[in-house]
Amino acid sequence: PTTADGQSKMTDWLTANPTKKHVLVCTIADLMAFGINNATKAAGRTDQVAAIGIGGSPDGSKLLESGNSGSFVGTVDFQFGKYGDYAVPMVQDLLDGKAIPADVRPQLTVVAAK
């Protein structure tokens, strides 16, 4: 998913739904949320749409902290870079025949617009 993908899809949706307000869009990546933000700005509808990305990207955090993030209102950082810290030991435990937890919940951080 790219910024262009998000912008194109949101532009099409905004065009097809000119009277819709209070729209929440959750994406699978910050890049798509940036495109949604671009589309809502171009349509003058940033006050009608809230877009949330996933990834906790530095660009997303910077935009949110700027105080001028438009319809981009947040990102969720799943700390993907830390998955190996607990996944590798669990795989080793499995290989050693040890029990592993049935449920593992990684830490996540939500970054929201100011």
Protein backbone atom coordinates (compact mmCIF):
# COMPACT_ATOMS: atom_id res chain seq x y z
CA PRO A 1 0.00 0.00 0.00
CA THR A 2 1.24 3.44 -0.93
CA THR A 3 0.31 7.07 -0.36
CA ALA A 4 -0.92 7.19 -3.96
CA ASP A 5 -3.17 4.16 -3.33
CA GLY A 6 -4.75 5.79 -0.31
CA GLN A 7 -5.20 9.10 -2.10
CA SER A 8 -6.76 7.51 -5.19
CA LYS A 9 -9.17 5.32 -3.25
CA MET A 10 -10.20 8.11 -0.89
CA THR A 11 -10.67 10.58 -3.74
CA ASP A 12 -12.98 8.08 -5.44
CA TRP A 13 -14.87 7.47 -2.19
CA LEU A 14 -15.26 11.18 -1.44
CA THR A 15 -16.54 11.80 -4.96
CA ALA A 16 -19.07 8.98 -4.67
CA ASN A 17 -20.18 10.07 -1.17
CA PRO A 18 -20.33 13.87 -1.15
CA THR A 19 -22.80 14.10 1.74
CA LYS A 20 -21.16 11.63 4.13
CA LYS A 21 -19.71 13.16 7.30
CA HIS A 22 -18.13 11.76 10.46
CA VAL A 23 -16.13 9.18 8.51
CA LEU A 24 -13.49 7.04 10.24
CA VAL A 25 -10.94 5.31 8.03
CA CYS A 26 -8.55 2.73 9.50
CA THR A 27 -5.73 1.67 7.22
CA ILE A 28 -3.13 -1.07 7.20
CA ALA A 29 -0.28 1.41 6.85
CA ASP A 30 0.57 5.02 7.65
CA LEU A 31 1.38 5.58 3.97
CA MET A 32 -2.24 4.94 2.99
CA ALA A 33 -3.44 7.26 5.77
CA PHE A 34 -1.17 10.00 4.35
CA GLY A 35 -2.89 9.56 0.98
CA ILE A 36 -6.31 9.74 2.63
CA ASN A 37 -5.20 12.95 4.30
CA ASN A 38 -4.07 14.35 0.92
CA ALA A 39 -7.43 13.49 -0.64
CA THR A 40 -9.47 15.05 2.17
CA LYS A 41 -7.35 18.22 2.02
CA ALA A 42 -7.85 18.47 -1.74
CA ALA A 43 -11.60 18.03 -1.27
CA GLY A 44 -11.76 20.48 1.64
CA ARG A 45 -13.17 17.76 3.89
CA THR A 46 -10.52 17.26 6.58
CA ASP A 47 -13.13 18.17 9.20
CA GLN A 48 -15.36 15.28 8.07
CA VAL A 49 -12.85 12.42 7.96
CA ALA A 50 -10.50 10.91 10.53
CA ALA A 51 -7.79 8.55 9.27
CA ILE A 52 -5.74 6.23 11.45
CA GLY A 53 -2.67 4.41 10.19
CA ILE A 54 -0.61 1.49 11.40
CA GLY A 55 3.13 1.49 11.74
CA GLY A 56 4.04 4.36 14.00
CA SER A 57 6.26 5.72 11.25
CA PRO A 58 8.59 8.62 12.02
CA ASP A 59 6.85 10.65 9.30
CA GLY A 60 3.47 9.91 10.88
CA SER A 61 4.64 10.89 14.34
CA LYS A 62 6.21 14.08 12.99
CA LEU A 63 3.00 15.01 11.16
CA LEU A 64 0.87 14.35 14.24
CA GLU A 65 3.16 16.40 16.46
CA SER A 66 3.07 19.31 13.99
CA GLY A 67 -0.45 20.28 15.04
CA ASN A 68 -1.40 20.45 11.36
CA SER A 69 -2.12 16.83 10.52
CA GLY A 70 -5.48 17.36 8.83
CA SER A 71 -7.57 14.20 8.80
CA PHE A 72 -4.59 12.04 9.87
CA VAL A 73 -5.42 11.68 13.55
CA GLY A 74 -3.30 8.78 14.75
CA THR A 75 -1.08 5.80 14.18
CA VAL A 76 -0.60 2.55 16.05
CA ASP A 77 2.96 1.33 16.49
CA PHE A 78 2.99 -2.44 17.01
CA GLN A 79 6.73 -2.36 17.75
CA PHE A 80 7.45 -4.77 14.88
CA GLY A 81 11.17 -4.25 15.36
CA LYS A 82 10.94 -5.91 18.77
CA TYR A 83 9.09 -9.05 17.68
CA GLY A 84 12.32 -11.01 17.56
CA ASP A 85 12.96 -10.22 21.24
CA TYR A 86 10.22 -12.64 22.27
CA ALA A 87 9.55 -14.67 19.10
CA VAL A 88 13.04 -16.14 18.82
CA PRO A 89 13.12 -17.36 22.45
CA MET A 90 9.65 -18.91 21.96
CA VAL A 91 10.80 -20.76 18.84
CA GLN A 92 13.83 -21.99 20.76
CA ASP A 93 11.54 -23.19 23.56
CA LEU A 94 9.41 -25.04 20.99
CA LEU A 95 12.50 -26.68 19.51
CA ASP A 96 13.57 -27.67 23.02
CA GLY A 97 10.16 -29.22 23.70
CA LYS A 98 9.18 -26.61 26.27
CA ALA A 99 5.72 -25.12 26.64
CA ILE A 100 5.09 -21.66 25.28
CA PRO A 101 2.32 -19.21 26.21
CA ALA A 102 -0.97 -19.74 24.41
CA ASP A 103 -1.45 -15.99 24.11
CA VAL A 104 1.29 -13.45 23.44
CA ARG A 105 0.39 -9.78 23.21
CA PRO A 106 3.08 -7.43 21.99
CA GLN A 107 3.27 -3.96 23.42
CA LEU A 108 1.80 -1.29 21.22
CA THR A 109 1.91 2.48 21.30
CA VAL A 110 -0.79 4.84 20.03
CA VAL A 111 0.37 8.22 18.74
CA ALA A 112 -2.46 10.72 18.37
CA ALA A 113 -2.78 14.22 16.97
CA LYS A 114 -2.26 17.02 19.46
